[in-house]
Amino acid sequence: MKLIRFGELNKEKPGICIDGNCYDVSGFINDYDETFFGNGGIPHLAWMTEQHKNMLPQVLPGTRIGSPVARPSKIICIGLNYADHAKETKATPPSEPVIFMKATTALVGPYDEVVIPRDSVKTDWEVELAVVIEKKASYVDEADAMQYVAGYTLHNDISEREFQLERSGTWDKGKGCDTFAPLGPWMVTKDEVEDVNNLRLWLKVNDQMMQDGTTANLIFNIPFLVSYVSRFMTLLPGDVISTGTPAGVGLGFDPPVYLKAGDVMELGIDGLGTSKQTCKAYATN
């Protein structure tokens, strides 16, 4: 299944996409949140859709699409998880996953604008495969990890490199700015993804291909990441783990290339759809 959320920002309703059309399921489902995922929402939604698919109201074309997951308790990101990306940023590939967090207030829809923060001169892009957690997970064995995965979605891990790398402390301050986590368009349930370890992911800026990679090159694969992260924090239903980005970020160019107001990013992952964000300057008023 392909799960969407649609409507005005912070007032989104749950929906489902079937055969290219999207339908409103808010008559049966409150939202795609911790309660939904944790209480067996996916199989219930599948059954409900089968029983009532001819009665579901259609989502009108042109309706805003929001993040496919309501604000999760955590957005956990994995840094330097592609060897080519580590190399371009002059970093050593890690022996264990690098973990950082994005603020949940960074979450926006797949076609919403990205705001370049006040005083930023080094805002960058990162196409990533994100994993959505279905069940509460703590100290999960790697062999069992996929039982805790609901599905996958497309994520643009927007990053301010000066804030991240030059302002001391953790990476988080360059990762969690408002609008820095465009997610979607859909969350695709794991049963619809034949081989998550062999998906093409790409990103363009102003129609120029910047990133073109494959999840086959992940240093740490998804079962390992779910297990590893669960050793350090309890994962709750609806939490998001973003699994890293391949080479081609602005920081990796010589000289580096960064986003400016008016730039347009387009990105996609096989089977998970595409998204598009336009950058705008921070408004001081």
Protein backbone atom coordinates (compact mmCIF):
# COMPACT_ATOMS: atom_id res chain seq x y z
CA MET A 1 0.00 0.00 0.00
CA LYS A 2 0.95 3.62 -0.52
CA LEU A 3 -0.02 5.83 2.42
CA ILE A 4 -0.35 9.59 1.99
CA ARG A 5 -1.44 12.52 4.11
CA PHE A 6 -3.11 15.42 2.35
CA GLY A 7 -4.52 18.85 3.04
CA GLU A 8 -3.46 22.06 4.74
CA LEU A 9 -0.23 22.07 6.76
CA ASN A 10 -0.82 20.70 10.28
CA LYS A 11 -4.39 19.73 9.31
CA GLU A 12 -3.58 16.78 7.06
CA LYS A 13 -5.90 13.80 6.65
CA PRO A 14 -4.85 10.21 5.94
CA GLY A 15 -5.24 8.76 2.49
CA ILE A 16 -4.23 5.81 0.36
CA CYS A 17 -3.14 5.58 -3.27
CA ILE A 18 -4.40 2.71 -5.42
CA ASP A 19 -3.73 2.28 -9.15
CA GLY A 20 -2.69 5.91 -9.55
CA ASN A 21 -5.65 7.40 -7.69
CA CYS A 22 -5.66 8.65 -4.10
CA TYR A 23 -8.53 8.25 -1.65
CA ASP A 24 -9.52 9.78 1.66
CA VAL A 25 -9.59 7.21 4.49
CA SER A 26 -10.16 9.69 7.31
CA GLY A 27 -13.60 8.17 7.86
CA PHE A 28 -11.85 5.04 9.17
CA ILE A 29 -8.36 6.20 10.23
CA ASN A 30 -7.53 9.16 12.46
CA ASP A 31 -3.95 9.68 11.27
CA TYR A 32 -0.74 7.83 10.41
CA ASP A 33 0.82 8.25 13.80
CA GLU A 34 2.17 6.22 16.71
CA THR A 35 -1.28 4.92 17.61
CA PHE A 36 -2.02 3.82 14.05
CA PHE A 37 1.22 1.93 13.49
CA GLY A 38 1.44 0.50 17.00
CA ASN A 39 -2.09 -0.91 17.01
CA GLY A 40 -1.91 -2.94 13.83
CA GLY A 41 -3.07 -0.11 11.62
CA ILE A 42 -1.54 -1.38 8.38
CA PRO A 43 -3.36 -4.74 8.22
CA HIS A 44 -6.56 -3.07 9.43
CA LEU A 45 -6.26 -0.44 6.68
CA ALA A 46 -5.68 -3.14 4.07
CA TRP A 47 -8.81 -4.98 5.17
CA MET A 48 -10.89 -1.82 5.39
CA THR A 49 -9.79 -0.67 1.94
CA GLU A 50 -10.69 -4.03 0.41
CA GLN A 51 -14.14 -3.92 2.01
CA HIS A 52 -14.95 -0.28 1.21
CA LYS A 53 -12.76 0.73 -1.74
CA ASN A 54 -15.77 1.62 -3.91
CA MET A 55 -17.07 4.00 -1.26
CA LEU A 56 -13.92 5.98 -0.51
CA PRO A 57 -13.96 9.67 -1.53
CA GLN A 58 -11.22 10.58 -3.99
CA VAL A 59 -8.54 13.13 -3.13
CA LEU A 60 -8.86 15.93 -5.67
CA PRO A 61 -5.92 16.49 -8.03
CA GLY A 62 -3.86 19.49 -6.94
CA THR A 63 -4.52 18.93 -3.23
CA ARG A 64 -1.44 19.59 -1.11
CA ILE A 65 0.41 16.44 -0.06
CA GLY A 66 1.99 16.44 3.39
CA SER A 67 4.48 14.17 5.09
CA PRO A 68 3.12 10.60 4.87
CA VAL A 69 3.83 10.15 8.60
CA ALA A 70 2.35 12.40 11.26
CA ARG A 71 4.94 14.05 13.47
CA PRO A 72 6.99 11.10 14.80
CA SER A 73 8.56 11.02 18.22
CA LYS A 74 12.00 10.93 16.56
CA ILE A 75 13.69 11.46 13.20
CA ILE A 76 16.96 9.54 13.48
CA CYS A 77 19.58 9.94 10.77
CA ILE A 78 22.62 7.90 9.86
CA GLY A 79 25.67 9.84 8.68
CA LEU A 80 28.36 8.76 6.23
CA ASN A 81 26.58 5.51 5.33
CA TYR A 82 27.80 5.44 1.72
CA ALA A 83 31.56 5.08 1.18
CA ASP A 84 31.53 7.43 -1.83
CA HIS A 85 29.86 10.16 0.23
CA ALA A 86 32.34 9.74 3.07
CA LYS A 87 35.18 10.05 0.55
CA GLU A 88 33.83 13.23 -1.08
CA THR A 89 33.51 14.91 2.32
CA LYS A 90 37.05 13.79 3.24
CA ALA A 91 35.74 11.66 6.10
CA THR A 92 36.78 8.14 7.02
CA PRO A 93 34.00 5.57 6.52
CA PRO A 94 32.76 4.81 10.03
CA SER A 95 33.34 1.50 11.80
CA GLU A 96 29.95 1.93 13.49
CA PRO A 97 26.93 3.98 12.35
CA VAL A 98 27.04 7.72 12.97
CA ILE A 99 23.75 8.76 14.59
CA PHE A 100 22.28 12.26 14.71
CA MET A 101 18.77 13.64 15.10
CA LYS A 102 16.58 15.98 13.11
CA ALA A 103 14.00 18.06 14.94
CA THR A 104 10.45 16.93 14.26
CA THR A 105 9.61 20.59 13.57
CA ALA A 106 11.74 20.23 10.41
CA LEU A 107 9.14 17.90 8.88
CA VAL A 108 7.32 19.17 5.79
CA GLY A 109 5.61 17.72 2.74
CA PRO A 110 7.34 16.53 -0.42
CA TYR A 111 6.42 19.60 -2.48
CA ASP A 112 6.64 22.27 0.21
CA GLU A 113 9.18 25.08 0.06
CA VAL A 114 12.54 24.73 1.80
CA VAL A 115 13.50 27.83 3.76
CA ILE A 116 17.19 28.74 3.75
CA PRO A 117 17.87 29.70 7.39
CA ARG A 118 18.76 33.20 8.48
CA ASP A 119 22.52 33.80 8.06
CA SER A 120 22.97 30.56 6.09
CA VAL A 121 25.44 30.42 3.21
CA LYS A 122 25.98 26.64 3.08
CA THR A 123 22.58 24.95 2.78
CA ASP A 124 22.94 21.56 1.06
CA TRP A 125 20.86 18.64 -0.23
CA GLU A 126 20.88 14.88 0.53
CA VAL A 127 18.54 12.31 -1.04
CA GLU A 128 17.92 9.44 1.37
CA LEU A 129 15.87 6.29 1.89
CA ALA A 130 13.92 6.56 5.14
CA VAL A 131 12.54 3.66 7.16
CA VAL A 132 9.31 3.95 9.17
CA ILE A 133 9.03 1.86 12.34
CA GLU A 134 5.86 -0.17 12.95
CA LYS A 135 6.34 -1.62 16.45
CA LYS A 136 8.06 -0.53 19.64
CA ALA A 137 11.65 -1.72 19.39
CA SER A 138 14.31 -1.98 22.08
CA TYR A 139 17.41 -4.20 21.89
CA VAL A 140 16.16 -5.85 18.71
CA ASP A 141 18.23 -8.66 17.18
CA GLU A 142 19.33 -7.99 13.61
CA ALA A 143 17.69 -11.24 12.46
CA ASP A 144 14.33 -9.97 13.74
CA ALA A 145 14.70 -6.32 12.77
CA MET A 146 12.50 -6.32 9.66
CA GLN A 147 9.53 -7.38 11.78
CA TYR A 148 9.65 -3.86 13.22
CA VAL A 149 9.61 -2.04 9.87
CA ALA A 150 6.34 -0.64 8.49
CA GLY A 151 7.70 0.65 5.20
CA TYR A 152 9.82 3.18 3.40
CA THR A 153 9.66 6.75 2.16
CA LEU A 154 11.74 9.36 0.33
CA HIS A 155 13.59 11.94 2.43
CA ASN A 156 15.61 15.03 1.53
CA ASP A 157 17.99 15.46 4.46
CA ILE A 158 18.57 19.20 4.02
CA SER A 159 21.73 20.29 5.85
CA GLU A 160 23.38 23.59 6.70
CA ARG A 161 27.07 22.71 6.53
CA GLU A 162 28.45 25.70 8.43
CA PHE A 163 26.02 25.10 11.29
CA GLN A 164 26.74 21.36 11.13
CA LEU A 165 30.52 21.31 10.82
CA GLU A 166 31.95 24.70 11.74
CA ARG A 167 29.93 25.84 14.75
CA SER A 168 31.25 23.27 17.26
CA GLY A 169 29.25 20.60 19.04
CA THR A 170 27.01 18.04 17.36
CA TRP A 171 25.74 17.88 13.79
CA ASP A 172 22.17 18.41 14.93
CA LYS A 173 22.25 22.21 14.77
CA GLY A 174 22.80 22.02 11.00
CA LYS A 175 20.15 19.39 10.43
CA GLY A 176 17.01 20.39 12.31
CA CYS A 177 16.13 23.82 10.90
CA ASP A 178 12.51 24.39 9.91
CA THR A 179 11.59 22.71 6.57
CA PHE A 180 14.82 20.63 6.58
CA ALA A 181 12.98 17.28 6.40
CA PRO A 182 10.76 17.02 3.31
CA LEU A 183 9.25 13.52 3.47
CA GLY A 184 7.19 11.62 0.91
CA PRO A 185 5.14 11.63 -1.29
CA TRP A 186 4.14 8.22 0.10
CA MET A 187 5.04 5.72 2.71
CA VAL A 188 5.20 2.43 0.81
CA THR A 189 4.58 -0.65 2.94
CA LYS A 190 7.53 -3.05 3.00
CA ASP A 191 5.66 -5.82 1.18
CA GLU A 192 5.59 -3.67 -1.97
CA VAL A 193 9.37 -3.17 -2.09
CA GLU A 194 10.93 -6.26 -3.63
CA ASP A 195 14.57 -5.50 -2.82
CA VAL A 196 15.21 -2.51 -0.58
CA ASN A 197 18.94 -3.18 -0.91
CA ASN A 198 18.93 -2.42 -4.63
CA LEU A 199 17.03 0.82 -5.18
CA ARG A 200 18.23 3.70 -7.31
CA LEU A 201 18.11 7.09 -5.60
CA TRP A 202 18.85 10.39 -7.32
CA LEU A 203 18.63 14.15 -6.91
CA LYS A 204 18.74 17.08 -9.34
CA VAL A 205 19.24 20.77 -8.66
CA ASN A 206 17.85 23.07 -11.35
CA ASP A 207 17.57 20.04 -13.70
CA GLN A 208 21.25 19.11 -13.22
CA MET A 209 21.83 15.61 -11.89
CA MET A 210 23.82 15.86 -8.67
CA GLN A 211 23.30 12.50 -6.98
CA ASP A 212 22.72 9.15 -8.68
CA GLY A 213 23.34 6.17 -6.45
CA THR A 214 21.95 2.87 -5.21
CA THR A 215 21.10 1.44 -1.82
CA ALA A 216 23.28 -1.52 -2.79
CA ASN A 217 26.16 0.68 -1.63
CA LEU A 218 24.93 1.20 1.93
CA ILE A 219 27.72 0.50 4.39
CA PHE A 220 25.22 -0.58 7.09
CA ASN A 221 22.01 -2.15 5.80
CA ILE A 222 18.52 -1.62 7.16
CA PRO A 223 18.21 -4.63 9.52
CA PHE A 224 21.56 -3.75 11.07
CA LEU A 225 20.57 -0.09 11.49
CA VAL A 226 17.24 -0.89 13.15
CA SER A 227 18.98 -3.29 15.53
CA TYR A 228 21.88 -0.91 16.20
CA VAL A 229 19.76 2.17 16.89
CA SER A 230 17.47 0.16 19.18
CA ARG A 231 20.45 -0.49 21.47
CA PHE A 232 20.70 3.22 22.27
CA MET A 233 17.08 4.36 22.29
CA THR A 234 13.62 2.84 22.17
CA LEU A 235 12.10 3.15 18.73
CA LEU A 236 8.39 3.94 18.79
CA PRO A 237 5.80 3.22 16.10
CA GLY A 238 5.96 5.92 13.44
CA ASP A 239 9.58 6.84 14.15
CA VAL A 240 11.74 7.51 11.10
CA ILE A 241 15.30 6.31 10.46
CA SER A 242 16.94 8.05 7.50
CA THR A 243 19.69 5.80 6.18
CA GLY A 244 22.27 8.13 4.62
CA THR A 245 23.06 9.71 1.27
CA PRO A 246 25.27 8.78 -1.70
CA ALA A 247 27.92 11.03 -3.26
CA GLY A 248 27.00 14.24 -5.01
CA VAL A 249 26.16 16.66 -2.22
CA GLY A 250 27.11 20.31 -2.59
CA LEU A 251 29.80 20.02 0.06
CA GLY A 252 31.63 17.48 -2.09
CA PHE A 253 32.19 19.75 -5.09
CA ASP A 254 35.42 21.69 -5.61
CA PRO A 255 34.60 24.44 -4.92
CA PRO A 256 31.46 23.52 -2.93
CA VAL A 257 28.05 24.39 -4.38
CA TYR A 258 25.23 25.43 -2.07
CA LEU A 259 21.56 26.22 -2.42
CA LYS A 260 20.19 29.70 -2.92
CA ALA A 261 16.72 31.19 -3.10
CA GLY A 262 14.91 30.07 -6.24
CA ASP A 263 16.84 26.81 -6.65
CA VAL A 264 14.68 23.76 -7.33
CA MET A 265 15.50 20.28 -6.05
CA GLU A 266 13.92 17.19 -7.58
CA LEU A 267 14.60 13.76 -6.15
CA GLY A 268 13.35 10.20 -6.22
CA ILE A 269 13.83 6.56 -5.27
CA ASP A 270 12.68 3.55 -7.28
CA GLY A 271 9.16 2.64 -6.20
CA LEU A 272 8.93 5.41 -3.61
CA GLY A 273 8.00 8.25 -5.92
CA THR A 274 9.53 11.66 -6.50
CA SER A 275 9.42 14.99 -4.71
CA LYS A 276 10.24 18.58 -5.60
CA GLN A 277 11.14 21.52 -3.38
CA THR A 278 11.87 25.14 -4.23
CA CYS A 279 14.21 27.09 -1.94
CA LYS A 280 13.26 30.47 -0.55
CA ALA A 281 15.08 32.94 1.64
CA TYR A 282 14.27 33.28 5.33
CA ALA A 283 11.81 36.13 5.85
CA THR A 284 12.84 38.50 8.63
CA ASN A 285 9.37 40.02 9.01
